[in-house]
Amino acid sequence: MKKSMLKEFEQIVGQQMSLSFIRFLEEIGPDARTQRISIVIAAVLKYALDLLPAHCEEGSLGEALLVISEEPYLVNEQSEEVARLEELIDTLCEKAGMQNSRATSKGMPYTIAEGAIAEFTNWYAMPWEDYV
């Protein structure tokens, strides 16, 4: 299934862009802090979203990107769309030689995918504007 997820991603962004992104992650990823990698991956998800047509095939990666961008609350519900994005991010991390699953200094588990999806869903959030 991971191969098909990567193939879907390549169909959206193009094979050359996909390879370039993986190569970029290979260079910066293993030593980078999770919150920084999460933002980079969120930017790639946003790039892929911007390339999508208005409607995508049901059950596809494209549909997952559209749905999560339009209904970010689904992240809290662990929807099928979130699972597809997590699978893509896990695949990208694996290809780049990084571990998606990590643990805090106190042993609490977390993933790069969680952070990347949170950054993706809050791409245009500017909380400081709420105080104006």
N, C-alpha and C. Protein backbone atom coordinates (compact mmCIF):
# COMPACT_ATOMS: atom_id res chain seq x y z
N MET A 1 0.83 -1.20 0.00
CA MET A 1 0.00 0.00 0.00
C MET A 1 0.87 1.26 0.00
N LYS A 2 2.05 1.18 0.65
CA LYS A 2 2.92 2.35 0.70
C LYS A 2 3.39 2.77 -0.69
N LYS A 3 3.66 1.77 -1.54
CA LYS A 3 4.09 2.10 -2.90
C LYS A 3 2.99 2.85 -3.63
N SER A 4 1.75 2.43 -3.47
CA SER A 4 0.65 3.10 -4.17
C SER A 4 0.46 4.52 -3.64
N MET A 5 0.70 4.73 -2.33
CA MET A 5 0.58 6.08 -1.77
C MET A 5 1.65 6.99 -2.36
N LEU A 6 2.86 6.50 -2.46
CA LEU A 6 3.93 7.29 -3.06
C LEU A 6 3.64 7.55 -4.54
N LYS A 7 3.09 6.56 -5.21
CA LYS A 7 2.73 6.71 -6.63
C LYS A 7 1.65 7.79 -6.79
N GLU A 8 0.66 7.76 -5.90
CA GLU A 8 -0.40 8.79 -5.93
C GLU A 8 0.20 10.17 -5.72
N PHE A 9 1.13 10.27 -4.76
CA PHE A 9 1.79 11.54 -4.48
C PHE A 9 2.55 12.01 -5.72
N GLU A 10 3.27 11.10 -6.37
CA GLU A 10 4.00 11.45 -7.59
C GLU A 10 3.07 11.91 -8.70
N GLN A 11 1.89 11.30 -8.78
CA GLN A 11 0.92 11.71 -9.80
C GLN A 11 0.42 13.14 -9.56
N ILE A 12 0.39 13.54 -8.31
CA ILE A 12 -0.07 14.90 -7.98
C ILE A 12 1.03 15.92 -8.22
N VAL A 13 2.21 15.68 -7.65
CA VAL A 13 3.27 16.70 -7.70
C VAL A 13 4.26 16.48 -8.83
N GLY A 14 4.24 15.32 -9.44
CA GLY A 14 5.21 14.99 -10.48
C GLY A 14 6.35 14.18 -9.89
N GLN A 15 6.88 13.26 -10.69
CA GLN A 15 7.93 12.37 -10.20
C GLN A 15 9.19 13.14 -9.81
N GLN A 16 9.57 14.11 -10.62
CA GLN A 16 10.79 14.87 -10.33
C GLN A 16 10.66 15.65 -9.03
N MET A 17 9.51 16.28 -8.80
CA MET A 17 9.31 17.02 -7.56
C MET A 17 9.31 16.08 -6.37
N SER A 18 8.67 14.93 -6.52
CA SER A 18 8.63 13.94 -5.44
C SER A 18 10.04 13.49 -5.08
N LEU A 19 10.84 13.15 -6.07
CA LEU A 19 12.22 12.73 -5.84
C LEU A 19 13.05 13.85 -5.22
N SER A 20 12.84 15.07 -5.67
CA SER A 20 13.56 16.21 -5.12
C SER A 20 13.21 16.42 -3.65
N PHE A 21 11.95 16.29 -3.34
CA PHE A 21 11.52 16.45 -1.96
C PHE A 21 12.13 15.38 -1.06
N ILE A 22 12.11 14.14 -1.53
CA ILE A 22 12.69 13.04 -0.74
C ILE A 22 14.19 13.26 -0.56
N ARG A 23 14.87 13.69 -1.61
CA ARG A 23 16.30 13.98 -1.52
C ARG A 23 16.57 15.10 -0.52
N PHE A 24 15.72 16.11 -0.54
CA PHE A 24 15.84 17.23 0.40
C PHE A 24 15.69 16.73 1.84
N LEU A 25 14.68 15.89 2.07
CA LEU A 25 14.48 15.32 3.41
C LEU A 25 15.65 14.44 3.84
N GLU A 26 16.22 13.72 2.89
CA GLU A 26 17.40 12.89 3.20
C GLU A 26 18.56 13.75 3.73
N GLU A 27 18.69 14.94 3.15
CA GLU A 27 19.78 15.83 3.54
C GLU A 27 19.54 16.50 4.89
N ILE A 28 18.34 17.01 5.10
CA ILE A 28 18.10 17.78 6.33
C ILE A 28 17.41 16.97 7.43
N GLY A 29 16.68 15.94 7.05
CA GLY A 29 15.80 15.25 7.97
C GLY A 29 16.39 14.53 9.15
N PRO A 30 17.36 13.67 8.96
CA PRO A 30 17.82 12.85 10.09
C PRO A 30 18.29 13.66 11.30
N ASP A 31 18.88 14.82 11.08
CA ASP A 31 19.39 15.62 12.20
C ASP A 31 18.47 16.76 12.60
N ALA A 32 17.41 16.97 11.86
CA ALA A 32 16.53 18.12 12.12
C ALA A 32 15.56 17.84 13.26
N ARG A 33 15.15 18.89 13.91
CA ARG A 33 14.15 18.79 14.96
C ARG A 33 12.78 18.52 14.33
N THR A 34 11.96 17.79 15.06
CA THR A 34 10.66 17.36 14.55
C THR A 34 9.79 18.54 14.11
N GLN A 35 9.74 19.60 14.92
CA GLN A 35 8.86 20.72 14.59
C GLN A 35 9.30 21.40 13.29
N ARG A 36 10.57 21.35 12.98
CA ARG A 36 11.03 21.97 11.73
C ARG A 36 10.72 21.07 10.53
N ILE A 37 10.92 19.79 10.69
CA ILE A 37 10.58 18.84 9.62
C ILE A 37 9.07 18.87 9.36
N SER A 38 8.29 18.99 10.41
CA SER A 38 6.83 19.02 10.28
C SER A 38 6.38 20.18 9.39
N ILE A 39 7.01 21.33 9.56
CA ILE A 39 6.65 22.49 8.75
C ILE A 39 7.03 22.27 7.29
N VAL A 40 8.19 21.67 7.06
CA VAL A 40 8.62 21.39 5.69
C VAL A 40 7.63 20.43 5.02
N ILE A 41 7.25 19.38 5.72
CA ILE A 41 6.31 18.41 5.15
C ILE A 41 4.94 19.05 4.95
N ALA A 42 4.52 19.90 5.88
CA ALA A 42 3.24 20.61 5.72
C ALA A 42 3.27 21.48 4.46
N ALA A 43 4.40 22.10 4.19
CA ALA A 43 4.52 22.93 2.98
C ALA A 43 4.37 22.08 1.73
N VAL A 44 4.91 20.88 1.75
CA VAL A 44 4.77 19.98 0.60
C VAL A 44 3.31 19.55 0.45
N LEU A 45 2.64 19.26 1.56
CA LEU A 45 1.22 18.92 1.48
C LEU A 45 0.42 20.09 0.90
N LYS A 46 0.76 21.31 1.30
CA LYS A 46 0.09 22.50 0.78
C LYS A 46 0.38 22.64 -0.71
N TYR A 47 1.60 22.39 -1.12
CA TYR A 47 1.96 22.44 -2.54
C TYR A 47 1.12 21.44 -3.32
N ALA A 48 1.03 20.21 -2.81
CA ALA A 48 0.23 19.18 -3.48
C ALA A 48 -1.24 19.59 -3.55
N LEU A 49 -1.75 20.15 -2.47
CA LEU A 49 -3.15 20.61 -2.44
C LEU A 49 -3.40 21.65 -3.54
N ASP A 50 -2.47 22.57 -3.69
CA ASP A 50 -2.63 23.63 -4.70
C ASP A 50 -2.62 23.11 -6.13
N LEU A 51 -2.08 21.93 -6.34
CA LEU A 51 -2.03 21.34 -7.68
C LEU A 51 -3.27 20.51 -8.03
N LEU A 52 -4.11 20.26 -7.03
CA LEU A 52 -5.26 19.37 -7.23
C LEU A 52 -6.39 20.04 -8.01
N PRO A 53 -7.15 19.23 -8.76
CA PRO A 53 -8.38 19.75 -9.37
C PRO A 53 -9.43 19.93 -8.26
N ALA A 54 -10.53 20.55 -8.59
CA ALA A 54 -11.59 20.82 -7.60
C ALA A 54 -12.18 19.53 -7.03
N HIS A 55 -12.23 18.49 -7.83
CA HIS A 55 -12.80 17.22 -7.36
C HIS A 55 -11.79 16.10 -7.60
N CYS A 56 -11.67 15.22 -6.61
CA CYS A 56 -10.74 14.10 -6.72
C CYS A 56 -11.50 12.80 -6.50
N GLU A 57 -10.89 11.72 -6.96
CA GLU A 57 -11.49 10.40 -6.82
C GLU A 57 -11.69 10.06 -5.34
N GLU A 58 -12.83 9.48 -5.04
CA GLU A 58 -13.14 9.10 -3.67
C GLU A 58 -12.12 8.09 -3.16
N GLY A 59 -11.63 8.32 -1.94
CA GLY A 59 -10.66 7.41 -1.34
C GLY A 59 -9.22 7.69 -1.74
N SER A 60 -8.99 8.73 -2.52
CA SER A 60 -7.65 9.04 -3.01
C SER A 60 -6.91 9.97 -2.05
N LEU A 61 -5.61 10.06 -2.24
CA LEU A 61 -4.78 11.00 -1.49
C LEU A 61 -5.25 12.43 -1.76
N GLY A 62 -5.57 12.72 -3.01
CA GLY A 62 -6.06 14.05 -3.36
C GLY A 62 -7.32 14.41 -2.59
N GLU A 63 -8.25 13.47 -2.50
CA GLU A 63 -9.47 13.72 -1.74
C GLU A 63 -9.13 13.97 -0.28
N ALA A 64 -8.20 13.21 0.27
CA ALA A 64 -7.81 13.39 1.68
C ALA A 64 -7.25 14.79 1.91
N LEU A 65 -6.40 15.26 1.01
CA LEU A 65 -5.86 16.62 1.14
C LEU A 65 -6.96 17.67 1.09
N LEU A 66 -7.89 17.52 0.14
CA LEU A 66 -8.99 18.47 0.03
C LEU A 66 -9.88 18.46 1.27
N VAL A 67 -10.25 17.28 1.70
CA VAL A 67 -11.17 17.15 2.84
C VAL A 67 -10.53 17.72 4.11
N ILE A 68 -9.30 17.35 4.39
CA ILE A 68 -8.64 17.83 5.62
C ILE A 68 -8.43 19.34 5.57
N SER A 69 -8.15 19.88 4.40
CA SER A 69 -7.96 21.33 4.30
C SER A 69 -9.28 22.08 4.51
N GLU A 70 -10.38 21.46 4.11
CA GLU A 70 -11.69 22.10 4.25
C GLU A 70 -12.36 21.79 5.59
N GLU A 71 -12.02 20.65 6.17
CA GLU A 71 -12.64 20.23 7.43
C GLU A 71 -11.56 19.77 8.42
N PRO A 72 -10.74 20.71 8.91
CA PRO A 72 -9.61 20.34 9.75
C PRO A 72 -9.98 19.64 11.06
N TYR A 73 -11.22 19.78 11.50
CA TYR A 73 -11.65 19.10 12.73
C TYR A 73 -11.55 17.58 12.61
N LEU A 74 -11.52 17.07 11.38
CA LEU A 74 -11.41 15.62 11.18
C LEU A 74 -10.10 15.06 11.71
N VAL A 75 -9.12 15.93 11.89
CA VAL A 75 -7.84 15.48 12.45
C VAL A 75 -8.08 14.90 13.85
N ASN A 76 -8.95 15.52 14.60
CA ASN A 76 -9.24 15.06 15.97
C ASN A 76 -10.04 13.77 15.99
N GLU A 77 -10.66 13.42 14.90
CA GLU A 77 -11.50 12.23 14.84
C GLU A 77 -10.80 11.03 14.23
N GLN A 78 -9.53 11.18 13.88
CA GLN A 78 -8.78 10.09 13.26
C GLN A 78 -9.55 9.48 12.07
N SER A 79 -9.91 10.33 11.15
CA SER A 79 -10.66 9.92 9.97
C SER A 79 -9.80 9.13 8.99
N GLU A 80 -10.46 8.57 7.98
CA GLU A 80 -9.74 7.85 6.91
C GLU A 80 -8.80 8.80 6.17
N GLU A 81 -9.22 10.04 6.03
CA GLU A 81 -8.39 11.03 5.33
C GLU A 81 -7.09 11.27 6.10
N VAL A 82 -7.21 11.37 7.41
CA VAL A 82 -6.01 11.56 8.24
C VAL A 82 -5.10 10.34 8.11
N ALA A 83 -5.69 9.17 8.10
CA ALA A 83 -4.91 7.93 7.97
C ALA A 83 -4.14 7.92 6.65
N ARG A 84 -4.75 8.41 5.58
CA ARG A 84 -4.05 8.46 4.28
C ARG A 84 -2.87 9.44 4.33
N LEU A 85 -3.09 10.60 4.95
CA LEU A 85 -1.98 11.56 5.07
C LEU A 85 -0.87 11.01 5.95
N GLU A 86 -1.24 10.35 7.03
CA GLU A 86 -0.23 9.73 7.90
C GLU A 86 0.56 8.67 7.15
N GLU A 87 -0.12 7.89 6.33
CA GLU A 87 0.56 6.86 5.54
C GLU A 87 1.54 7.50 4.56
N LEU A 88 1.12 8.58 3.90
CA LEU A 88 2.02 9.27 2.97
C LEU A 88 3.25 9.79 3.71
N ILE A 89 3.04 10.44 4.83
CA ILE A 89 4.15 11.02 5.58
C ILE A 89 5.08 9.93 6.09
N ASP A 90 4.52 8.83 6.56
CA ASP A 90 5.33 7.71 7.00
C ASP A 90 6.19 7.18 5.84
N THR A 91 5.59 7.08 4.67
CA THR A 91 6.32 6.61 3.49
C THR A 91 7.43 7.57 3.11
N LEU A 92 7.14 8.88 3.12
CA LEU A 92 8.16 9.87 2.79
C LEU A 92 9.32 9.82 3.79
N CYS A 93 8.98 9.71 5.06
CA CYS A 93 10.02 9.61 6.10
C CYS A 93 10.88 8.37 5.88
N GLU A 94 10.22 7.26 5.62
CA GLU A 94 10.94 6.01 5.40
C GLU A 94 11.89 6.13 4.21
N LYS A 95 11.39 6.69 3.10
CA LYS A 95 12.22 6.86 1.90
C LYS A 95 13.42 7.77 2.17
N ALA A 96 13.22 8.75 3.07
CA ALA A 96 14.28 9.71 3.38
C ALA A 96 15.20 9.23 4.51
N GLY A 97 14.95 8.03 5.02
CA GLY A 97 15.79 7.49 6.07
C GLY A 97 15.54 8.08 7.44
N MET A 98 14.31 8.56 7.67
CA MET A 98 13.93 9.13 8.96
C MET A 98 12.90 8.26 9.64
N GLN A 99 12.85 8.37 10.95
CA GLN A 99 11.81 7.69 11.72
C GLN A 99 10.64 8.64 11.89
N ASN A 100 9.45 8.23 11.46
CA ASN A 100 8.25 9.02 11.68
C ASN A 100 7.87 8.96 13.15
N SER A 101 7.94 7.79 13.74
CA SER A 101 7.60 7.60 15.15
C SER A 101 8.79 7.99 16.01
N ARG A 102 8.51 8.82 17.01
CA ARG A 102 9.56 9.32 17.88
C ARG A 102 9.06 9.31 19.33
N ALA A 103 9.91 9.70 20.24
CA ALA A 103 9.53 9.79 21.64
C ALA A 103 10.18 11.02 22.26
N THR A 104 9.46 11.65 23.18
CA THR A 104 10.00 12.80 23.90
C THR A 104 11.08 12.33 24.86
N SER A 105 11.76 13.27 25.47
CA SER A 105 12.79 12.92 26.46
C SER A 105 12.19 12.18 27.65
N LYS A 106 10.89 12.31 27.85
CA LYS A 106 10.20 11.60 28.94
C LYS A 106 9.55 10.31 28.47
N GLY A 107 9.82 9.94 27.21
CA GLY A 107 9.32 8.66 26.70
C GLY A 107 7.92 8.69 26.10
N MET A 108 7.32 9.86 25.96
CA MET A 108 5.98 9.96 25.37
C MET A 108 6.08 9.84 23.84
N PRO A 109 5.33 8.92 23.24
CA PRO A 109 5.42 8.75 21.79
C PRO A 109 4.69 9.86 21.01
N TYR A 110 5.22 10.18 19.86
CA TYR A 110 4.59 11.12 18.93
C TYR A 110 5.15 10.84 17.55
N THR A 111 4.58 11.48 16.53
CA THR A 111 5.06 11.28 15.17
C THR A 111 5.28 12.60 14.45
N ILE A 112 6.14 12.56 13.46
CA ILE A 112 6.31 13.71 12.58
C ILE A 112 4.98 13.99 11.88
N ALA A 113 4.27 12.93 11.52
CA ALA A 113 2.99 13.08 10.82
C ALA A 113 2.00 13.93 11.60
N GLU A 114 1.92 13.72 12.91
CA GLU A 114 1.00 14.51 13.74
C GLU A 114 1.32 16.00 13.62
N GLY A 115 2.59 16.33 13.73
CA GLY A 115 3.00 17.72 13.63
C GLY A 115 2.78 18.30 12.25
N ALA A 116 3.09 17.51 11.22
CA ALA A 116 2.93 17.99 9.84
C ALA A 116 1.47 18.23 9.51
N ILE A 117 0.61 17.34 9.93
CA ILE A 117 -0.82 17.51 9.65
C ILE A 117 -1.38 18.70 10.42
N ALA A 118 -0.92 18.89 11.66
CA ALA A 118 -1.35 20.06 12.43
C ALA A 118 -0.91 21.35 11.74
N GLU A 119 0.33 21.40 11.26
CA GLU A 119 0.81 22.58 10.55
C GLU A 119 0.03 22.79 9.24
N PHE A 120 -0.26 21.72 8.54
CA PHE A 120 -1.02 21.79 7.29
C PHE A 120 -2.41 22.38 7.53
N THR A 121 -3.09 21.90 8.56
CA THR A 121 -4.46 22.37 8.82
C THR A 121 -4.48 23.80 9.36
N ASN A 122 -3.36 24.26 9.87
CA ASN A 122 -3.29 25.63 10.41
C ASN A 122 -2.44 26.55 9.53
N TRP A 123 -2.30 26.18 8.26
CA TRP A 123 -1.40 26.90 7.36
C TRP A 123 -1.66 28.41 7.35
N TYR A 124 -2.92 28.80 7.32
CA TYR A 124 -3.25 30.23 7.25
C TYR A 124 -3.61 30.83 8.60
N ALA A 125 -3.48 30.06 9.66
CA ALA A 125 -3.83 30.56 10.99
C ALA A 125 -2.83 31.63 11.43
N MET A 126 -3.36 32.73 11.87
CA MET A 126 -2.55 33.81 12.43
C MET A 126 -3.21 34.23 13.74
N PRO A 127 -2.92 33.49 14.81
CA PRO A 127 -3.62 33.72 16.07
C PRO A 127 -3.46 35.13 16.62
N TRP A 128 -2.37 35.80 16.29
CA TRP A 128 -2.17 37.16 16.78
C TRP A 128 -3.22 38.11 16.22
N GLU A 129 -3.85 37.78 15.09
CA GLU A 129 -4.88 38.63 14.52
C GLU A 129 -6.17 38.57 15.34
N ASP A 130 -6.33 37.51 16.13
CA ASP A 130 -7.52 37.39 16.97
C ASP A 130 -7.54 38.42 18.08
N TYR A 131 -6.39 39.00 18.38
CA TYR A 131 -6.29 39.95 19.49
C TYR A 131 -6.44 41.40 19.04
N VAL A 132 -6.59 41.62 17.75
CA VAL A 132 -6.71 42.98 17.24
C VAL A 132 -8.10 43.51 17.38
